Amino acid sequence: MVLISVITPVYNARLDYLTAVYESLAAQELPDGWSWEWLVQHDDPSDLELPAAIVRDQRVRPGSARHGGPGVARTVALQRAGGRYVRNLDSDDVLPPNALADAIAVLESHPEIGWTTCRVLDLMPDGSLTEFPGDPADGPIPLGAVAEYWRAHDWRLHVHPTTITIRHDLLLAIGGWMALPISEDTGMMLTANAFSPGWFIHKVGLHYRQHAGQITKADPNASDRTERMEMINRRLKAIDALLDQAKKGPGQ
């Protein structure tokens, strides 16, 4: 059985939201010969309390470690991952049944592609789903194209990093998620695109829950956005410089 690993950091999460995440995973329609594992990483050294129905599912692999923020929690969980591919998933979002299969299909068919993202619908508090414009066309995302758009649009992306599915070895090679208080998936995706082209799947692959407790809304340090974005940008510039030097060869 071939695995796809789904990694979710958890800190003060609502159990009803976690249950919804699990139910969306249980409803995944995977290709023959594939299964998922869910690495639920508690961003706290105490054991994570999960509903009994979730604990009984052997595909669910909870873990815990000292508090370090979502990027650190995801990267700590990565060392337990056994999947060929790794899907990013937050503790308050849900996957439509096609989500994992769509990413698997692209990555299996296109070995030159390192990662995928997909369309997102906002999941509103009343349960309705809301679409928003601006998605790119279905197909490849060239090397470095995400950073080019991001720099030209005030550090805003045209693809959603929380939907990323990435090859396991590529994720290891770039060091996992960035150790930032938020935007860790943004830093990871931009870094991945510095080394590998991606693919945008023009099918909905995530229902992004909108609620008052979201970390991106509740973060008291939102004023540090400039510093976070500049840290990511400096990292990308350093990577570009090293890659250019490697192409020129020693002494050039």
C-alpha atoms as a PDB file:
ATOM      1  CA  MET A   1       0.000   0.000   0.000  1.00  0.00           C
ATOM      2  CA  VAL A   2       1.398   3.383  -1.021  1.00  0.00           C
ATOM      3  CA  LEU A   3       0.892   6.188   1.484  1.00  0.00           C
ATOM      4  CA  ILE A   4       0.182   9.881   1.279  1.00  0.00           C
ATOM      5  CA  SER A   5       0.935  11.622   4.586  1.00  0.00           C
ATOM      6  CA  VAL A   6      -1.336  14.402   5.814  1.00  0.00           C
ATOM      7  CA  ILE A   7       0.261  16.636   8.463  1.00  0.00           C
ATOM      8  CA  THR A   8      -1.810  18.802  10.805  1.00  0.00           C
ATOM      9  CA  PRO A   9      -0.428  20.900  13.686  1.00  0.00           C
ATOM     10  CA  VAL A  10      -2.766  21.274  16.644  1.00  0.00           C
ATOM     11  CA  TYR A  11      -2.732  23.858  19.420  1.00  0.00           C
ATOM     12  CA  ASN A  12      -5.861  24.711  21.418  1.00  0.00           C
ATOM     13  CA  ALA A  13      -7.896  23.228  18.590  1.00  0.00           C
ATOM     14  CA  ARG A  14     -11.636  22.636  18.757  1.00  0.00           C
ATOM     15  CA  LEU A  15     -12.505  18.942  18.831  1.00  0.00           C
ATOM     16  CA  ASP A  16     -15.504  19.463  16.564  1.00  0.00           C
ATOM     17  CA  TYR A  17     -13.229  20.965  13.930  1.00  0.00           C
ATOM     18  CA  LEU A  18     -10.731  18.111  14.305  1.00  0.00           C
ATOM     19  CA  THR A  19     -13.570  15.629  13.962  1.00  0.00           C
ATOM     20  CA  ALA A  20     -14.629  17.340  10.739  1.00  0.00           C
ATOM     21  CA  VAL A  21     -11.053  17.083   9.434  1.00  0.00           C
ATOM     22  CA  TYR A  22     -11.006  13.363  10.221  1.00  0.00           C
ATOM     23  CA  GLU A  23     -14.376  12.762   8.599  1.00  0.00           C
ATOM     24  CA  SER A  24     -13.168  14.496   5.441  1.00  0.00           C
ATOM     25  CA  LEU A  25     -10.117  12.228   5.387  1.00  0.00           C
ATOM     26  CA  ALA A  26     -12.239   9.131   5.943  1.00  0.00           C
ATOM     27  CA  ALA A  27     -14.316  10.140   2.908  1.00  0.00           C
ATOM     28  CA  GLN A  28     -11.327  10.404   0.546  1.00  0.00           C
ATOM     29  CA  GLU A  29     -11.687   8.517  -2.735  1.00  0.00           C
ATOM     30  CA  LEU A  30      -8.147   7.290  -3.326  1.00  0.00           C
ATOM     31  CA  PRO A  31      -6.725   5.351  -6.278  1.00  0.00           C
ATOM     32  CA  ASP A  32      -6.396   1.590  -5.895  1.00  0.00           C
ATOM     33  CA  GLY A  33      -3.364   0.656  -3.831  1.00  0.00           C
ATOM     34  CA  TRP A  34      -3.211   3.960  -1.966  1.00  0.00           C
ATOM     35  CA  SER A  35      -3.999   4.912   1.617  1.00  0.00           C
ATOM     36  CA  TRP A  36      -3.500   7.972   3.796  1.00  0.00           C
ATOM     37  CA  GLU A  37      -1.967   8.508   7.204  1.00  0.00           C
ATOM     38  CA  TRP A  38      -2.858  11.505   9.347  1.00  0.00           C
ATOM     39  CA  LEU A  39      -0.027  12.869  11.463  1.00  0.00           C
ATOM     40  CA  VAL A  40      -1.774  15.015  14.059  1.00  0.00           C
ATOM     41  CA  GLN A  41       0.991  16.910  15.834  1.00  0.00           C
ATOM     42  CA  HIS A  42       0.178  18.512  19.182  1.00  0.00           C
ATOM     43  CA  ASP A  43       2.235  21.697  19.513  1.00  0.00           C
ATOM     44  CA  ASP A  44       2.533  21.029  23.238  1.00  0.00           C
ATOM     45  CA  PRO A  45       4.323  18.266  25.189  1.00  0.00           C
ATOM     46  CA  SER A  46       1.089  16.938  26.695  1.00  0.00           C
ATOM     47  CA  ASP A  47      -0.807  14.118  25.000  1.00  0.00           C
ATOM     48  CA  LEU A  48      -3.452  15.183  22.524  1.00  0.00           C
ATOM     49  CA  GLU A  49      -6.954  14.159  23.495  1.00  0.00           C
ATOM     50  CA  LEU A  50      -8.902  12.980  20.462  1.00  0.00           C
ATOM     51  CA  PRO A  51     -12.395  11.496  20.170  1.00  0.00           C
ATOM     52  CA  ALA A  52     -12.430   7.720  20.572  1.00  0.00           C
ATOM     53  CA  ALA A  53     -13.562   7.102  16.994  1.00  0.00           C
ATOM     54  CA  ILE A  54     -10.492   8.903  15.692  1.00  0.00           C
ATOM     55  CA  VAL A  55      -8.080   7.172  18.067  1.00  0.00           C
ATOM     56  CA  ARG A  56      -9.332   3.742  16.947  1.00  0.00           C
ATOM     57  CA  ASP A  57      -8.396   4.435  13.339  1.00  0.00           C
ATOM     58  CA  GLN A  58      -4.878   3.084  12.853  1.00  0.00           C
ATOM     59  CA  ARG A  59      -4.308   5.537  10.018  1.00  0.00           C
ATOM     60  CA  VAL A  60      -4.285   8.336  12.597  1.00  0.00           C
ATOM     61  CA  ARG A  61      -0.849   8.873  14.156  1.00  0.00           C
ATOM     62  CA  PRO A  62      -0.884  11.500  16.910  1.00  0.00           C
ATOM     63  CA  GLY A  63       2.303  12.965  18.314  1.00  0.00           C
ATOM     64  CA  SER A  64       3.398  15.745  20.650  1.00  0.00           C
ATOM     65  CA  ALA A  65       6.456  17.911  21.298  1.00  0.00           C
ATOM     66  CA  ARG A  66       7.372  21.165  23.001  1.00  0.00           C
ATOM     67  CA  HIS A  67       5.581  24.270  21.749  1.00  0.00           C
ATOM     68  CA  GLY A  68       7.308  25.868  18.775  1.00  0.00           C
ATOM     69  CA  GLY A  69       4.562  27.147  16.507  1.00  0.00           C
ATOM     70  CA  PRO A  70       2.874  25.522  13.512  1.00  0.00           C
ATOM     71  CA  GLY A  71       5.934  25.415  11.271  1.00  0.00           C
ATOM     72  CA  VAL A  72       8.033  23.635  13.884  1.00  0.00           C
ATOM     73  CA  ALA A  73       5.172  21.267  14.745  1.00  0.00           C
ATOM     74  CA  ARG A  74       4.716  20.265  11.099  1.00  0.00           C
ATOM     75  CA  THR A  75       8.440  19.692  10.616  1.00  0.00           C
ATOM     76  CA  VAL A  76       8.670  17.610  13.798  1.00  0.00           C
ATOM     77  CA  ALA A  77       5.811  15.464  12.480  1.00  0.00           C
ATOM     78  CA  LEU A  78       7.582  15.066   9.137  1.00  0.00           C
ATOM     79  CA  GLN A  79      10.167  12.739  10.668  1.00  0.00           C
ATOM     80  CA  ARG A  80       7.348  10.230  11.341  1.00  0.00           C
ATOM     81  CA  ALA A  81       5.844  10.489   7.861  1.00  0.00           C
ATOM     82  CA  GLY A  82       5.945   7.419   5.653  1.00  0.00           C
ATOM     83  CA  GLY A  83       4.175   8.804   2.603  1.00  0.00           C
ATOM     84  CA  ARG A  84       5.494   9.259  -0.913  1.00  0.00           C
ATOM     85  CA  TYR A  85       3.780  12.640  -0.842  1.00  0.00           C
ATOM     86  CA  VAL A  86       2.934  15.010   2.008  1.00  0.00           C
ATOM     87  CA  ARG A  87      -0.260  17.071   2.156  1.00  0.00           C
ATOM     88  CA  ASN A  88      -0.457  20.211   4.270  1.00  0.00           C
ATOM     89  CA  LEU A  89      -3.745  20.479   6.224  1.00  0.00           C
ATOM     90  CA  ASP A  90      -4.804  22.837   9.012  1.00  0.00           C
ATOM     91  CA  SER A  91      -6.830  21.716  12.021  1.00  0.00           C
ATOM     92  CA  ASP A  92      -9.913  23.734  11.075  1.00  0.00           C
ATOM     93  CA  ASP A  93     -10.179  23.023   7.336  1.00  0.00           C
ATOM     94  CA  VAL A  94     -11.732  20.088   5.485  1.00  0.00           C
ATOM     95  CA  LEU A  95     -10.967  18.228   2.271  1.00  0.00           C
ATOM     96  CA  PRO A  96     -13.517  17.407  -0.424  1.00  0.00           C
ATOM     97  CA  PRO A  97     -13.456  13.686  -1.363  1.00  0.00           C
ATOM     98  CA  ASN A  98     -11.338  14.217  -4.494  1.00  0.00           C
ATOM     99  CA  ALA A  99      -8.566  16.275  -2.876  1.00  0.00           C
ATOM    100  CA  LEU A 100      -5.851  13.696  -2.260  1.00  0.00           C
ATOM    101  CA  ALA A 101      -6.551  11.699  -5.426  1.00  0.00           C
ATOM    102  CA  ASP A 102      -6.248  14.795  -7.610  1.00  0.00           C
ATOM    103  CA  ALA A 103      -2.801  15.611  -6.216  1.00  0.00           C
ATOM    104  CA  ILE A 104      -1.658  11.992  -6.473  1.00  0.00           C
ATOM    105  CA  ALA A 105      -2.752  11.836 -10.121  1.00  0.00           C
ATOM    106  CA  VAL A 106      -0.689  14.887 -11.079  1.00  0.00           C
ATOM    107  CA  LEU A 107       2.436  13.870  -9.179  1.00  0.00           C
ATOM    108  CA  GLU A 108       2.315  10.286 -10.452  1.00  0.00           C
ATOM    109  CA  SER A 109       1.840  11.429 -14.059  1.00  0.00           C
ATOM    110  CA  HIS A 110       4.410  14.245 -14.027  1.00  0.00           C
ATOM    111  CA  PRO A 111       7.690  13.240 -12.339  1.00  0.00           C
ATOM    112  CA  GLU A 112       9.157  16.647 -13.182  1.00  0.00           C
ATOM    113  CA  ILE A 113       6.566  18.360 -10.950  1.00  0.00           C
ATOM    114  CA  GLY A 114       7.523  18.674  -7.286  1.00  0.00           C
ATOM    115  CA  TRP A 115       4.313  19.923  -5.731  1.00  0.00           C
ATOM    116  CA  THR A 116       0.683  20.851  -6.357  1.00  0.00           C
ATOM    117  CA  THR A 117      -1.828  23.404  -5.127  1.00  0.00           C
ATOM    118  CA  CYS A 118      -5.518  23.685  -5.919  1.00  0.00           C
ATOM    119  CA  ARG A 119      -8.664  25.796  -5.782  1.00  0.00           C
ATOM    120  CA  VAL A 120     -10.155  26.749  -2.423  1.00  0.00           C
ATOM    121  CA  LEU A 121     -13.686  27.541  -1.308  1.00  0.00           C
ATOM    122  CA  ASP A 122     -14.286  29.493   1.890  1.00  0.00           C
ATOM    123  CA  LEU A 123     -16.356  27.513   4.393  1.00  0.00           C
ATOM    124  CA  MET A 124     -18.521  30.100   6.123  1.00  0.00           C
ATOM    125  CA  PRO A 125     -19.888  29.827   9.704  1.00  0.00           C
ATOM    126  CA  ASP A 126     -23.357  29.006   8.344  1.00  0.00           C
ATOM    127  CA  GLY A 127     -21.946  26.058   6.377  1.00  0.00           C
ATOM    128  CA  SER A 128     -22.165  27.730   2.977  1.00  0.00           C
ATOM    129  CA  LEU A 129     -19.263  27.683   0.523  1.00  0.00           C
ATOM    130  CA  THR A 130     -18.025  30.867  -1.129  1.00  0.00           C
ATOM    131  CA  GLU A 131     -15.898  31.107  -4.244  1.00  0.00           C
ATOM    132  CA  PHE A 132     -13.520  33.937  -5.055  1.00  0.00           C
ATOM    133  CA  PRO A 133     -11.918  34.879  -8.394  1.00  0.00           C
ATOM    134  CA  GLY A 134      -8.289  35.060  -9.407  1.00  0.00           C
ATOM    135  CA  ASP A 135      -7.148  31.442  -9.695  1.00  0.00           C
ATOM    136  CA  PRO A 136      -4.614  30.630 -12.421  1.00  0.00           C
ATOM    137  CA  ALA A 137      -5.341  28.135 -15.182  1.00  0.00           C
ATOM    138  CA  ASP A 138      -4.981  24.423 -14.589  1.00  0.00           C
ATOM    139  CA  GLY A 139      -1.460  23.273 -15.330  1.00  0.00           C
ATOM    140  CA  PRO A 140       2.224  23.793 -14.577  1.00  0.00           C
ATOM    141  CA  ILE A 141       3.610  26.579 -12.404  1.00  0.00           C
ATOM    142  CA  PRO A 142       7.096  27.360 -13.766  1.00  0.00           C
ATOM    143  CA  LEU A 143      10.205  27.415 -11.630  1.00  0.00           C
ATOM    144  CA  GLY A 144      10.298  30.650  -9.614  1.00  0.00           C
ATOM    145  CA  ALA A 145       6.906  31.866 -10.854  1.00  0.00           C
ATOM    146  CA  VAL A 146       5.338  31.980  -7.397  1.00  0.00           C
ATOM    147  CA  ALA A 147       8.043  34.295  -6.047  1.00  0.00           C
ATOM    148  CA  GLU A 148       7.817  36.502  -9.133  1.00  0.00           C
ATOM    149  CA  TYR A 149       4.076  37.027  -8.610  1.00  0.00           C
ATOM    150  CA  TRP A 150       4.473  37.381  -4.830  1.00  0.00           C
ATOM    151  CA  ARG A 151       7.071  40.150  -5.128  1.00  0.00           C
ATOM    152  CA  ALA A 152       5.010  42.022  -7.714  1.00  0.00           C
ATOM    153  CA  HIS A 153       1.801  41.938  -5.642  1.00  0.00           C
ATOM    154  CA  ASP A 154       2.794  43.207  -2.174  1.00  0.00           C
ATOM    155  CA  TRP A 155       3.758  39.765  -0.826  1.00  0.00           C
ATOM    156  CA  ARG A 156       0.435  38.230  -1.892  1.00  0.00           C
ATOM    157  CA  LEU A 157       0.149  34.856  -3.605  1.00  0.00           C
ATOM    158  CA  HIS A 158      -1.978  33.716  -6.522  1.00  0.00           C
ATOM    159  CA  VAL A 159      -2.094  30.125  -5.217  1.00  0.00           C
ATOM    160  CA  HIS A 160      -2.969  29.030  -1.687  1.00  0.00           C
ATOM    161  CA  PRO A 161      -0.019  27.461   0.196  1.00  0.00           C
ATOM    162  CA  THR A 162      -2.244  25.657   2.686  1.00  0.00           C
ATOM    163  CA  THR A 163      -3.342  23.353  -0.165  1.00  0.00           C
ATOM    164  CA  ILE A 164       0.153  22.161  -1.039  1.00  0.00           C
ATOM    165  CA  THR A 165       0.905  18.499  -1.655  1.00  0.00           C
ATOM    166  CA  ILE A 166       4.642  17.962  -2.079  1.00  0.00           C
ATOM    167  CA  ARG A 167       7.030  15.126  -2.764  1.00  0.00           C
ATOM    168  CA  HIS A 168       8.441  13.821   0.506  1.00  0.00           C
ATOM    169  CA  ASP A 169      12.072  14.006  -0.591  1.00  0.00           C
ATOM    170  CA  LEU A 170      11.701  17.570  -1.870  1.00  0.00           C
ATOM    171  CA  LEU A 171      10.155  18.652   1.426  1.00  0.00           C
ATOM    172  CA  LEU A 172      13.026  17.089   3.355  1.00  0.00           C
ATOM    173  CA  ALA A 173      15.604  18.688   1.067  1.00  0.00           C
ATOM    174  CA  ILE A 174      14.257  22.212   1.656  1.00  0.00           C
ATOM    175  CA  GLY A 175      14.161  21.733   5.427  1.00  0.00           C
ATOM    176  CA  GLY A 176      10.415  21.311   5.931  1.00  0.00           C
ATOM    177  CA  TRP A 177       8.318  24.308   6.877  1.00  0.00           C
ATOM    178  CA  MET A 178       9.865  27.644   7.827  1.00  0.00           C
ATOM    179  CA  ALA A 179      10.091  28.337  11.556  1.00  0.00           C
ATOM    180  CA  LEU A 180       7.845  31.402  11.443  1.00  0.00           C
ATOM    181  CA  PRO A 181       4.947  32.191  13.804  1.00  0.00           C
ATOM    182  CA  ILE A 182       2.611  32.180  10.785  1.00  0.00           C
ATOM    183  CA  SER A 183       3.214  32.066   6.997  1.00  0.00           C
ATOM    184  CA  GLU A 184       5.283  28.912   7.467  1.00  0.00           C
ATOM    185  CA  ASP A 185       3.511  27.295   4.515  1.00  0.00           C
ATOM    186  CA  THR A 186       4.114  30.384   2.372  1.00  0.00           C
ATOM    187  CA  GLY A 187       7.841  30.151   3.049  1.00  0.00           C
ATOM    188  CA  MET A 188       7.851  26.427   2.350  1.00  0.00           C
ATOM    189  CA  MET A 189       5.992  26.689  -0.961  1.00  0.00           C
ATOM    190  CA  LEU A 190       8.136  29.570  -2.225  1.00  0.00           C
ATOM    191  CA  THR A 191      11.269  27.632  -1.337  1.00  0.00           C
ATOM    192  CA  ALA A 192       9.963  24.500  -3.071  1.00  0.00           C
ATOM    193  CA  ASN A 193       9.269  26.537  -6.216  1.00  0.00           C
ATOM    194  CA  ALA A 194      12.860  27.786  -6.197  1.00  0.00           C
ATOM    195  CA  PHE A 195      13.925  24.183  -6.856  1.00  0.00           C
ATOM    196  CA  SER A 196      10.979  22.601  -8.620  1.00  0.00           C
ATOM    197  CA  PRO A 197       8.011  23.571 -10.805  1.00  0.00           C
ATOM    198  CA  GLY A 198       4.552  23.033  -9.382  1.00  0.00           C
ATOM    199  CA  TRP A 199       1.072  22.394 -10.736  1.00  0.00           C
ATOM    200  CA  PHE A 200      -2.202  24.196 -10.096  1.00  0.00           C
ATOM    201  CA  ILE A 201      -5.202  21.856 -10.010  1.00  0.00           C
ATOM    202  CA  HIS A 202      -8.275  23.765 -11.140  1.00  0.00           C
ATOM    203  CA  LYS A 203     -10.592  21.656  -9.030  1.00  0.00           C
ATOM    204  CA  VAL A 204     -11.609  22.478  -5.482  1.00  0.00           C
ATOM    205  CA  GLY A 205      -9.286  20.685  -3.081  1.00  0.00           C
ATOM    206  CA  LEU A 206      -9.977  22.478   0.202  1.00  0.00           C
ATOM    207  CA  HIS A 207     -12.807  24.038   2.169  1.00  0.00           C
ATOM    208  CA  TYR A 208     -11.096  26.828   4.108  1.00  0.00           C
ATOM    209  CA  ARG A 209     -13.005  27.459   7.311  1.00  0.00           C
ATOM    210  CA  GLN A 210     -13.653  31.109   8.165  1.00  0.00           C
ATOM    211  CA  HIS A 211     -14.048  31.715  11.902  1.00  0.00           C
ATOM    212  CA  ALA A 212     -13.037  34.198  14.565  1.00  0.00           C
ATOM    213  CA  GLY A 213     -10.398  31.914  16.091  1.00  0.00           C
ATOM    214  CA  GLN A 214      -8.242  31.543  12.983  1.00  0.00           C
ATOM    215  CA  ILE A 215      -4.568  32.095  13.715  1.00  0.00           C
ATOM    216  CA  THR A 216      -4.300  34.463  10.749  1.00  0.00           C
ATOM    217  CA  LYS A 217      -7.114  36.570  12.220  1.00  0.00           C
ATOM    218  CA  ALA A 218      -6.352  36.233  15.919  1.00  0.00           C
ATOM    219  CA  ASP A 219      -2.564  36.635  15.713  1.00  0.00           C
ATOM    220  CA  PRO A 220      -1.643  39.525  18.040  1.00  0.00           C
ATOM    221  CA  ASN A 221       1.624  40.073  16.165  1.00  0.00           C
ATOM    222  CA  ALA A 222       0.132  40.713  12.728  1.00  0.00           C
ATOM    223  CA  SER A 223       2.241  43.895  12.611  1.00  0.00           C
ATOM    224  CA  ASP A 224       5.296  41.680  12.020  1.00  0.00           C
ATOM    225  CA  ARG A 225       4.127  40.837   8.487  1.00  0.00           C
ATOM    226  CA  THR A 226       6.833  42.971   6.893  1.00  0.00           C
ATOM    227  CA  GLU A 227       9.541  41.210   8.896  1.00  0.00           C
ATOM    228  CA  ARG A 228       8.147  37.766   8.061  1.00  0.00           C
ATOM    229  CA  MET A 229       7.879  38.512   4.362  1.00  0.00           C
ATOM    230  CA  GLU A 230      11.358  40.027   4.265  1.00  0.00           C
ATOM    231  CA  MET A 231      12.787  36.927   5.969  1.00  0.00           C
ATOM    232  CA  ILE A 232      11.219  34.738   3.280  1.00  0.00           C
ATOM    233  CA  ASN A 233      12.468  37.088   0.565  1.00  0.00           C
ATOM    234  CA  ARG A 234      16.014  37.084   1.908  1.00  0.00           C
ATOM    235  CA  ARG A 235      15.956  33.299   1.984  1.00  0.00           C
ATOM    236  CA  LEU A 236      14.853  33.161  -1.655  1.00  0.00           C
ATOM    237  CA  LYS A 237      17.539  35.642  -2.713  1.00  0.00           C
ATOM    238  CA  ALA A 238      20.178  33.563  -0.919  1.00  0.00           C
ATOM    239  CA  ILE A 239      18.965  30.403  -2.663  1.00  0.00           C
ATOM    240  CA  ASP A 240      19.013  32.123  -6.056  1.00  0.00           C
ATOM    241  CA  ALA A 241      22.560  33.363  -5.461  1.00  0.00           C
ATOM    242  CA  LEU A 242      23.788  29.912  -4.448  1.00  0.00           C
ATOM    243  CA  LEU A 243      22.123  28.258  -7.438  1.00  0.00           C
ATOM    244  CA  ASP A 244      23.648  30.832  -9.797  1.00  0.00           C
ATOM    245  CA  GLN A 245      27.073  30.232  -8.294  1.00  0.00           C
ATOM    246  CA  ALA A 246      26.650  26.473  -8.634  1.00  0.00           C
ATOM    247  CA  LYS A 247      25.847  26.881 -12.344  1.00  0.00           C
ATOM    248  CA  LYS A 248      28.979  28.981 -12.888  1.00  0.00           C
ATOM    249  CA  GLY A 249      31.186  26.510 -11.085  1.00  0.00           C
ATOM    250  CA  PRO A 250      33.996  27.039  -8.547  1.00  0.00           C
ATOM    251  CA  GLY A 251      36.118  30.143  -8.897  1.00  0.00           C
ATOM    252  CA  GLN A 252      33.667  31.955 -11.171  1.00  0.00           C
END
